[in-house]
All heavy atoms as atom14 arrays in JSON, in Angstrom:
{
  "sequence": "VPEVSGIERSGWAAGEARATYTALGVRGRAASGDLLRERL",
  "atom14_mask": [
    [1, 1, 1, 1, 1, 1, 1, 0, 0, 0, 0, 0, 0, 0],
    [1, 1, 1, 1, 1, 1, 1, 0, 0, 0, 0, 0, 0, 0],
    [1, 1, 1, 1, 1, 1, 1, 1, 1, 0, 0, 0, 0, 0],
    [1, 1, 1, 1, 1, 1, 1, 0, 0, 0, 0, 0, 0, 0],
    [1, 1, 1, 1, 1, 1, 0, 0, 0, 0, 0, 0, 0, 0],
    [1, 1, 1, 1, 0, 0, 0, 0, 0, 0, 0, 0, 0, 0],
    [1, 1, 1, 1, 1, 1, 1, 1, 0, 0, 0, 0, 0, 0],
    [1, 1, 1, 1, 1, 1, 1, 1, 1, 0, 0, 0, 0, 0],
    [1, 1, 1, 1, 1, 1, 1, 1, 1, 1, 1, 0, 0, 0],
    [1, 1, 1, 1, 1, 1, 0, 0, 0, 0, 0, 0, 0, 0],
    [1, 1, 1, 1, 0, 0, 0, 0, 0, 0, 0, 0, 0, 0],
    [1, 1, 1, 1, 1, 1, 1, 1, 1, 1, 1, 1, 1, 1],
    [1, 1, 1, 1, 1, 0, 0, 0, 0, 0, 0, 0, 0, 0],
    [1, 1, 1, 1, 1, 0, 0, 0, 0, 0, 0, 0, 0, 0],
    [1, 1, 1, 1, 0, 0, 0, 0, 0, 0, 0, 0, 0, 0],
    [1, 1, 1, 1, 1, 1, 1, 1, 1, 0, 0, 0, 0, 0],
    [1, 1, 1, 1, 1, 0, 0, 0, 0, 0, 0, 0, 0, 0],
    [1, 1, 1, 1, 1, 1, 1, 1, 1, 1, 1, 0, 0, 0],
    [1, 1, 1, 1, 1, 0, 0, 0, 0, 0, 0, 0, 0, 0],
    [1, 1, 1, 1, 1, 1, 1, 0, 0, 0, 0, 0, 0, 0],
    [1, 1, 1, 1, 1, 1, 1, 1, 1, 1, 1, 1, 0, 0],
    [1, 1, 1, 1, 1, 1, 1, 0, 0, 0, 0, 0, 0, 0],
    [1, 1, 1, 1, 1, 0, 0, 0, 0, 0, 0, 0, 0, 0],
    [1, 1, 1, 1, 1, 1, 1, 1, 0, 0, 0, 0, 0, 0],
    [1, 1, 1, 1, 0, 0, 0, 0, 0, 0, 0, 0, 0, 0],
    [1, 1, 1, 1, 1, 1, 1, 0, 0, 0, 0, 0, 0, 0],
    [1, 1, 1, 1, 1, 1, 1, 1, 1, 1, 1, 0, 0, 0],
    [1, 1, 1, 1, 0, 0, 0, 0, 0, 0, 0, 0, 0, 0],
    [1, 1, 1, 1, 1, 1, 1, 1, 1, 1, 1, 0, 0, 0],
    [1, 1, 1, 1, 1, 0, 0, 0, 0, 0, 0, 0, 0, 0],
    [1, 1, 1, 1, 1, 0, 0, 0, 0, 0, 0, 0, 0, 0],
    [1, 1, 1, 1, 1, 1, 0, 0, 0, 0, 0, 0, 0, 0],
    [1, 1, 1, 1, 0, 0, 0, 0, 0, 0, 0, 0, 0, 0],
    [1, 1, 1, 1, 1, 1, 1, 1, 0, 0, 0, 0, 0, 0],
    [1, 1, 1, 1, 1, 1, 1, 1, 0, 0, 0, 0, 0, 0],
    [1, 1, 1, 1, 1, 1, 1, 1, 0, 0, 0, 0, 0, 0],
    [1, 1, 1, 1, 1, 1, 1, 1, 1, 1, 1, 0, 0, 0],
    [1, 1, 1, 1, 1, 1, 1, 1, 1, 0, 0, 0, 0, 0],
    [1, 1, 1, 1, 1, 1, 1, 1, 1, 1, 1, 0, 0, 0],
    [1, 1, 1, 1, 1, 1, 1, 1, 0, 0, 0, 0, 0, 0]
  ],
  "atom14_positions": [
    [[93.69, 91.28, 77.48], [92.32, 91.05, 77.02], [91.28, 91.32, 78.11], [90.32, 92.06, 77.88], [92.17, 89.61, 76.47], [90.71, 89.28, 76.18], [93.02, 89.45, 75.22], [0.0, 0.0, 0.0], [0.0, 0.0, 0.0], [0.0, 0.0, 0.0], [0.0, 0.0, 0.0], [0.0, 0.0, 0.0], [0.0, 0.0, 0.0], [0.0, 0.0, 0.0]],
    [[91.42, 90.75, 79.3], [90.37, 90.97, 80.3], [90.36, 92.4, 80.83], [91.4, 93.04, 80.96], [90.73, 90.01, 81.44], [91.85, 89.18, 80.98], [92.46, 89.84, 79.79], [0.0, 0.0, 0.0], [0.0, 0.0, 0.0], [0.0, 0.0, 0.0], [0.0, 0.0, 0.0], [0.0, 0.0, 0.0], [0.0, 0.0, 0.0], [0.0, 0.0, 0.0]],
    [[89.18, 92.85, 81.14], [89.03, 94.09, 81.89], [89.05, 93.71, 83.37], [88.55, 92.66, 83.75], [87.7, 94.76, 81.54], [87.51, 96.09, 82.22], [86.24, 96.8, 81.79], [85.62, 96.36, 80.8], [85.88, 97.78, 82.44], [0.0, 0.0, 0.0], [0.0, 0.0, 0.0], [0.0, 0.0, 0.0], [0.0, 0.0, 0.0], [0.0, 0.0, 0.0]],
    [[89.64, 94.56, 84.19], [89.76, 94.28, 85.61], [88.74, 95.13, 86.38], [88.61, 96.33, 86.13], [91.18, 94.56, 86.15], [91.27, 94.3, 87.64], [92.21, 93.74, 85.39], [0.0, 0.0, 0.0], [0.0, 0.0, 0.0], [0.0, 0.0, 0.0], [0.0, 0.0, 0.0], [0.0, 0.0, 0.0], [0.0, 0.0, 0.0], [0.0, 0.0, 0.0]],
    [[88.03, 94.49, 87.29], [87.12, 95.19, 88.21], [87.63, 94.95, 89.62], [87.57, 93.83, 90.13], [85.69, 94.65, 88.09], [85.16, 94.94, 86.82], [0.0, 0.0, 0.0], [0.0, 0.0, 0.0], [0.0, 0.0, 0.0], [0.0, 0.0, 0.0], [0.0, 0.0, 0.0], [0.0, 0.0, 0.0], [0.0, 0.0, 0.0], [0.0, 0.0, 0.0]],
    [[88.19, 96.0, 90.22], [88.73, 95.88, 91.56], [87.78, 96.46, 92.59], [87.14, 97.48, 92.34], [0.0, 0.0, 0.0], [0.0, 0.0, 0.0], [0.0, 0.0, 0.0], [0.0, 0.0, 0.0], [0.0, 0.0, 0.0], [0.0, 0.0, 0.0], [0.0, 0.0, 0.0], [0.0, 0.0, 0.0], [0.0, 0.0, 0.0], [0.0, 0.0, 0.0]],
    [[87.72, 95.8, 93.73], [86.94, 96.32, 94.87], [87.87, 96.34, 96.06], [88.58, 95.37, 96.32], [85.66, 95.48, 95.12], [84.78, 96.13, 96.16], [85.99, 94.06, 95.5], [84.06, 97.33, 95.67], [0.0, 0.0, 0.0], [0.0, 0.0, 0.0], [0.0, 0.0, 0.0], [0.0, 0.0, 0.0], [0.0, 0.0, 0.0], [0.0, 0.0, 0.0]],
    [[87.87, 97.45, 96.78], [88.82, 97.65, 97.86], [88.21, 98.51, 98.95], [87.56, 99.5, 98.65], [90.09, 98.32, 97.29], [91.08, 98.81, 98.29], [91.58, 97.76, 99.26], [91.92, 96.65, 98.81], [91.63, 98.06, 100.46], [0.0, 0.0, 0.0], [0.0, 0.0, 0.0], [0.0, 0.0, 0.0], [0.0, 0.0, 0.0], [0.0, 0.0, 0.0]],
    [[88.42, 98.12, 100.18], [87.89, 98.87, 101.33], [88.52, 100.26, 101.44], [87.86, 101.23, 101.76], [88.14, 98.05, 102.59], [87.78, 98.76, 103.87], [88.06, 97.94, 105.08], [89.45, 97.48, 105.06], [89.9, 96.43, 105.69], [89.09, 95.68, 106.38], [91.17, 96.1, 105.65], [0.0, 0.0, 0.0], [0.0, 0.0, 0.0], [0.0, 0.0, 0.0]],
    [[89.8, 100.37, 101.18], [90.53, 101.63, 101.33], [90.39, 102.5, 100.08], [90.72, 102.08, 98.97], [92.02, 101.33, 101.56], [92.8, 102.48, 101.34], [0.0, 0.0, 0.0], [0.0, 0.0, 0.0], [0.0, 0.0, 0.0], [0.0, 0.0, 0.0], [0.0, 0.0, 0.0], [0.0, 0.0, 0.0], [0.0, 0.0, 0.0], [0.0, 0.0, 0.0]],
    [[89.94, 103.72, 100.29], [89.84, 104.66, 99.18], [91.21, 104.98, 98.59], [91.35, 105.12, 97.37], [0.0, 0.0, 0.0], [0.0, 0.0, 0.0], [0.0, 0.0, 0.0], [0.0, 0.0, 0.0], [0.0, 0.0, 0.0], [0.0, 0.0, 0.0], [0.0, 0.0, 0.0], [0.0, 0.0, 0.0], [0.0, 0.0, 0.0], [0.0, 0.0, 0.0]],
    [[92.23, 105.08, 99.46], [93.58, 105.34, 98.95], [94.02, 104.2, 98.04], [94.53, 104.43, 96.94], [94.6, 105.5, 100.09], [95.99, 105.56, 99.55], [96.62, 106.65, 99.03], [96.89, 104.46, 99.38], [97.86, 106.3, 98.55], [98.05, 104.95, 98.76], [96.83, 103.1, 99.69], [99.14, 104.13, 98.46], [97.92, 102.3, 99.39], [99.06, 102.81, 98.78]],
    [[93.85, 102.96, 98.49], [94.29, 101.81, 97.7], [93.51, 101.71, 96.39], [94.09, 101.37, 95.36], [94.17, 100.52, 98.51], [0.0, 0.0, 0.0], [0.0, 0.0, 0.0], [0.0, 0.0, 0.0], [0.0, 0.0, 0.0], [0.0, 0.0, 0.0], [0.0, 0.0, 0.0], [0.0, 0.0, 0.0], [0.0, 0.0, 0.0], [0.0, 0.0, 0.0]],
    [[92.22, 102.0, 96.4], [91.43, 101.97, 95.16], [91.98, 103.0, 94.17], [92.1, 102.71, 92.97], [89.96, 102.22, 95.45], [0.0, 0.0, 0.0], [0.0, 0.0, 0.0], [0.0, 0.0, 0.0], [0.0, 0.0, 0.0], [0.0, 0.0, 0.0], [0.0, 0.0, 0.0], [0.0, 0.0, 0.0], [0.0, 0.0, 0.0], [0.0, 0.0, 0.0]],
    [[92.34, 104.17, 94.66], [92.96, 105.18, 93.8], [94.3, 104.71, 93.25], [94.64, 104.93, 92.08], [0.0, 0.0, 0.0], [0.0, 0.0, 0.0], [0.0, 0.0, 0.0], [0.0, 0.0, 0.0], [0.0, 0.0, 0.0], [0.0, 0.0, 0.0], [0.0, 0.0, 0.0], [0.0, 0.0, 0.0], [0.0, 0.0, 0.0], [0.0, 0.0, 0.0]],
    [[95.07, 104.04, 94.09], [96.35, 103.5, 93.67], [96.15, 102.39, 92.63], [96.93, 102.28, 91.68], [97.11, 102.95, 94.88], [98.55, 102.65, 94.64], [99.41, 103.86, 94.35], [99.07, 104.99, 94.76], [100.45, 103.68, 93.68], [0.0, 0.0, 0.0], [0.0, 0.0, 0.0], [0.0, 0.0, 0.0], [0.0, 0.0, 0.0], [0.0, 0.0, 0.0]],
    [[95.1, 101.6, 92.78], [94.79, 100.56, 91.79], [94.49, 101.21, 90.44], [94.96, 100.72, 89.4], [93.62, 99.7, 92.26], [0.0, 0.0, 0.0], [0.0, 0.0, 0.0], [0.0, 0.0, 0.0], [0.0, 0.0, 0.0], [0.0, 0.0, 0.0], [0.0, 0.0, 0.0], [0.0, 0.0, 0.0], [0.0, 0.0, 0.0], [0.0, 0.0, 0.0]],
    [[93.74, 102.28, 90.44], [93.45, 102.97, 89.18], [94.75, 103.46, 88.52], [94.92, 103.35, 87.3], [92.45, 104.1, 89.39], [91.05, 103.6, 89.74], [90.01, 104.71, 89.8], [90.18, 105.62, 90.91], [89.67, 105.43, 92.13], [88.96, 104.33, 92.39], [89.85, 106.32, 93.08], [0.0, 0.0, 0.0], [0.0, 0.0, 0.0], [0.0, 0.0, 0.0]],
    [[95.67, 103.99, 89.33], [96.97, 104.43, 88.8], [97.76, 103.25, 88.26], [98.44, 103.35, 87.23], [97.75, 105.17, 89.88], [0.0, 0.0, 0.0], [0.0, 0.0, 0.0], [0.0, 0.0, 0.0], [0.0, 0.0, 0.0], [0.0, 0.0, 0.0], [0.0, 0.0, 0.0], [0.0, 0.0, 0.0], [0.0, 0.0, 0.0], [0.0, 0.0, 0.0]],
    [[97.68, 102.1, 88.94], [98.36, 100.89, 88.48], [97.82, 100.47, 87.12], [98.59, 100.19, 86.2], [98.17, 99.74, 89.5], [98.82, 100.09, 90.72], [98.72, 98.42, 88.99], [0.0, 0.0, 0.0], [0.0, 0.0, 0.0], [0.0, 0.0, 0.0], [0.0, 0.0, 0.0], [0.0, 0.0, 0.0], [0.0, 0.0, 0.0], [0.0, 0.0, 0.0]],
    [[96.51, 100.44, 86.97], [95.91, 100.04, 85.7], [96.37, 100.98, 84.58], [96.72, 100.53, 83.49], [94.38, 100.04, 85.78], [93.79, 99.15, 86.83], [92.57, 99.46, 87.41], [94.43, 97.99, 87.28], [91.99, 98.65, 88.39], [93.88, 97.18, 88.25], [92.66, 97.52, 88.8], [92.11, 96.72, 89.77], [0.0, 0.0, 0.0], [0.0, 0.0, 0.0]],
    [[96.36, 102.27, 84.86], [96.77, 103.24, 83.84], [98.23, 103.05, 83.46], [98.57, 102.98, 82.28], [96.54, 104.67, 84.36], [95.13, 104.86, 84.61], [97.01, 105.71, 83.36], [0.0, 0.0, 0.0], [0.0, 0.0, 0.0], [0.0, 0.0, 0.0], [0.0, 0.0, 0.0], [0.0, 0.0, 0.0], [0.0, 0.0, 0.0], [0.0, 0.0, 0.0]],
    [[99.1, 102.96, 84.45], [100.54, 102.83, 84.18], [100.86, 101.54, 83.43], [101.78, 101.52, 82.59], [101.33, 102.89, 85.48], [0.0, 0.0, 0.0], [0.0, 0.0, 0.0], [0.0, 0.0, 0.0], [0.0, 0.0, 0.0], [0.0, 0.0, 0.0], [0.0, 0.0, 0.0], [0.0, 0.0, 0.0], [0.0, 0.0, 0.0], [0.0, 0.0, 0.0]],
    [[100.12, 100.47, 83.7], [100.38, 99.19, 83.04], [99.6, 99.02, 81.73], [99.78, 98.03, 81.04], [100.04, 98.04, 83.99], [101.01, 97.83, 85.15], [100.45, 96.85, 86.17], [102.37, 97.36, 84.64], [0.0, 0.0, 0.0], [0.0, 0.0, 0.0], [0.0, 0.0, 0.0], [0.0, 0.0, 0.0], [0.0, 0.0, 0.0], [0.0, 0.0, 0.0]],
    [[98.73, 99.98, 81.42], [97.94, 99.87, 80.2], [96.85, 98.83, 80.27], [96.47, 98.25, 79.25], [0.0, 0.0, 0.0], [0.0, 0.0, 0.0], [0.0, 0.0, 0.0], [0.0, 0.0, 0.0], [0.0, 0.0, 0.0], [0.0, 0.0, 0.0], [0.0, 0.0, 0.0], [0.0, 0.0, 0.0], [0.0, 0.0, 0.0], [0.0, 0.0, 0.0]],
    [[96.32, 98.6, 81.46], [95.26, 97.61, 81.67], [93.91, 98.33, 81.7], [93.77, 99.38, 82.34], [95.49, 96.88, 83.02], [94.3, 96.01, 83.38], [96.76, 96.06, 82.96], [0.0, 0.0, 0.0], [0.0, 0.0, 0.0], [0.0, 0.0, 0.0], [0.0, 0.0, 0.0], [0.0, 0.0, 0.0], [0.0, 0.0, 0.0], [0.0, 0.0, 0.0]],
    [[92.94, 97.77, 81.0], [91.57, 98.31, 81.09], [91.0, 97.88, 82.43], [90.95, 96.69, 82.73], [90.68, 97.77, 79.96], [91.06, 98.26, 78.59], [90.18, 97.66, 77.5], [90.17, 96.21, 77.54], [89.07, 95.46, 77.72], [87.89, 96.03, 77.85], [89.15, 94.15, 77.76], [0.0, 0.0, 0.0], [0.0, 0.0, 0.0], [0.0, 0.0, 0.0]],
    [[90.6, 98.83, 83.23], [90.06, 98.45, 84.53], [89.52, 99.62, 85.31], [89.72, 100.78, 84.97], [0.0, 0.0, 0.0], [0.0, 0.0, 0.0], [0.0, 0.0, 0.0], [0.0, 0.0, 0.0], [0.0, 0.0, 0.0], [0.0, 0.0, 0.0], [0.0, 0.0, 0.0], [0.0, 0.0, 0.0], [0.0, 0.0, 0.0], [0.0, 0.0, 0.0]],
    [[88.82, 99.25, 86.35], [88.28, 100.23, 87.28], [88.43, 99.65, 88.67], [88.45, 98.43, 88.86], [86.83, 100.55, 86.98], [85.9, 99.36, 87.15], [84.43, 99.73, 86.96], [83.59, 98.56, 87.15], [83.27, 98.04, 88.34], [83.73, 98.58, 89.44], [82.5, 96.98, 88.43], [0.0, 0.0, 0.0], [0.0, 0.0, 0.0], [0.0, 0.0, 0.0]],
    [[88.56, 100.52, 89.63], [88.62, 100.1, 91.02], [87.74, 101.03, 91.82], [87.73, 102.24, 91.6], [90.05, 100.14, 91.54], [0.0, 0.0, 0.0], [0.0, 0.0, 0.0], [0.0, 0.0, 0.0], [0.0, 0.0, 0.0], [0.0, 0.0, 0.0], [0.0, 0.0, 0.0], [0.0, 0.0, 0.0], [0.0, 0.0, 0.0], [0.0, 0.0, 0.0]],
    [[87.0, 100.46, 92.73], [86.08, 101.25, 93.54], [86.22, 100.85, 95.0], [86.63, 99.74, 95.33], [84.65, 101.01, 93.07], [0.0, 0.0, 0.0], [0.0, 0.0, 0.0], [0.0, 0.0, 0.0], [0.0, 0.0, 0.0], [0.0, 0.0, 0.0], [0.0, 0.0, 0.0], [0.0, 0.0, 0.0], [0.0, 0.0, 0.0], [0.0, 0.0, 0.0]],
    [[85.84, 101.77, 95.86], [85.8, 101.47, 97.29], [84.53, 100.69, 97.57], [83.47, 101.01, 97.04], [85.78, 102.76, 98.1], [86.98, 103.47, 97.91], [0.0, 0.0, 0.0], [0.0, 0.0, 0.0], [0.0, 0.0, 0.0], [0.0, 0.0, 0.0], [0.0, 0.0, 0.0], [0.0, 0.0, 0.0], [0.0, 0.0, 0.0], [0.0, 0.0, 0.0]],
    [[84.65, 99.67, 98.39], [83.49, 98.87, 98.73], [83.85, 97.69, 99.6], [85.0, 97.53, 100.0], [0.0, 0.0, 0.0], [0.0, 0.0, 0.0], [0.0, 0.0, 0.0], [0.0, 0.0, 0.0], [0.0, 0.0, 0.0], [0.0, 0.0, 0.0], [0.0, 0.0, 0.0], [0.0, 0.0, 0.0], [0.0, 0.0, 0.0], [0.0, 0.0, 0.0]],
    [[82.85, 96.87, 99.85], [82.99, 95.71, 100.72], [83.02, 94.46, 99.85], [82.03, 94.13, 99.2], [81.81, 95.67, 101.69], [81.86, 94.52, 102.67], [82.71, 93.6, 102.51], [81.04, 94.51, 103.59], [0.0, 0.0, 0.0], [0.0, 0.0, 0.0], [0.0, 0.0, 0.0], [0.0, 0.0, 0.0], [0.0, 0.0, 0.0], [0.0, 0.0, 0.0]],
    [[84.12, 93.74, 99.85], [84.24, 92.57, 98.99], [83.24, 91.48, 99.34], [82.91, 90.66, 98.5], [85.67, 92.01, 99.01], [86.2, 91.43, 100.31], [85.98, 89.93, 100.35], [87.68, 91.7, 100.41], [0.0, 0.0, 0.0], [0.0, 0.0, 0.0], [0.0, 0.0, 0.0], [0.0, 0.0, 0.0], [0.0, 0.0, 0.0], [0.0, 0.0, 0.0]],
    [[82.72, 91.48, 100.56], [81.73, 90.48, 100.94], [80.35, 90.78, 100.37], [79.47, 89.94, 100.42], [81.66, 90.35, 102.46], [82.92, 89.82, 103.13], [82.78, 89.86, 104.64], [83.23, 88.41, 102.65], [0.0, 0.0, 0.0], [0.0, 0.0, 0.0], [0.0, 0.0, 0.0], [0.0, 0.0, 0.0], [0.0, 0.0, 0.0], [0.0, 0.0, 0.0]],
    [[80.15, 91.97, 99.85], [78.85, 92.36, 99.29], [78.83, 92.34, 97.76], [77.79, 92.54, 97.16], [78.45, 93.74, 99.79], [78.25, 93.78, 101.28], [77.89, 95.2, 101.72], [77.94, 95.3, 103.15], [76.88, 95.28, 103.93], [75.69, 95.17, 103.42], [77.01, 95.38, 105.24], [0.0, 0.0, 0.0], [0.0, 0.0, 0.0], [0.0, 0.0, 0.0]],
    [[79.99, 92.12, 97.15], [80.07, 92.12, 95.7], [79.42, 90.88, 95.13], [79.6, 89.78, 95.64], [81.53, 92.18, 95.24], [82.16, 93.53, 95.38], [81.49, 94.59, 94.54], [81.38, 94.43, 93.31], [81.05, 95.59, 95.13], [0.0, 0.0, 0.0], [0.0, 0.0, 0.0], [0.0, 0.0, 0.0], [0.0, 0.0, 0.0], [0.0, 0.0, 0.0]],
    [[78.67, 91.06, 94.06], [78.1, 89.91, 93.35], [79.22, 89.28, 92.55], [79.84, 89.93, 91.72], [76.97, 90.36, 92.43], [76.29, 89.18, 91.75], [75.2, 89.63, 90.82], [74.49, 88.63, 90.1], [74.96, 87.57, 89.47], [76.23, 87.32, 89.49], [74.18, 86.74, 88.8], [0.0, 0.0, 0.0], [0.0, 0.0, 0.0], [0.0, 0.0, 0.0]],
    [[79.49, 88.02, 92.79], [80.57, 87.35, 92.09], [80.07, 86.77, 90.77], [78.94, 86.31, 90.67], [81.16, 86.25, 92.97], [81.8, 86.74, 94.27], [82.44, 85.58, 95.03], [82.81, 87.83, 94.02], [0.0, 0.0, 0.0], [0.0, 0.0, 0.0], [0.0, 0.0, 0.0], [0.0, 0.0, 0.0], [0.0, 0.0, 0.0], [0.0, 0.0, 0.0]]
  ]
}
């Protein structure tokens, strides 16, 4: 049910997160960024 919004410093890991979401059938997006700057 939930959509996942991932934030990750590493561009490689953010890309891997997108592949994880796709392979698991999860609605989500992952982007490179600073977790301390994300609005919670």
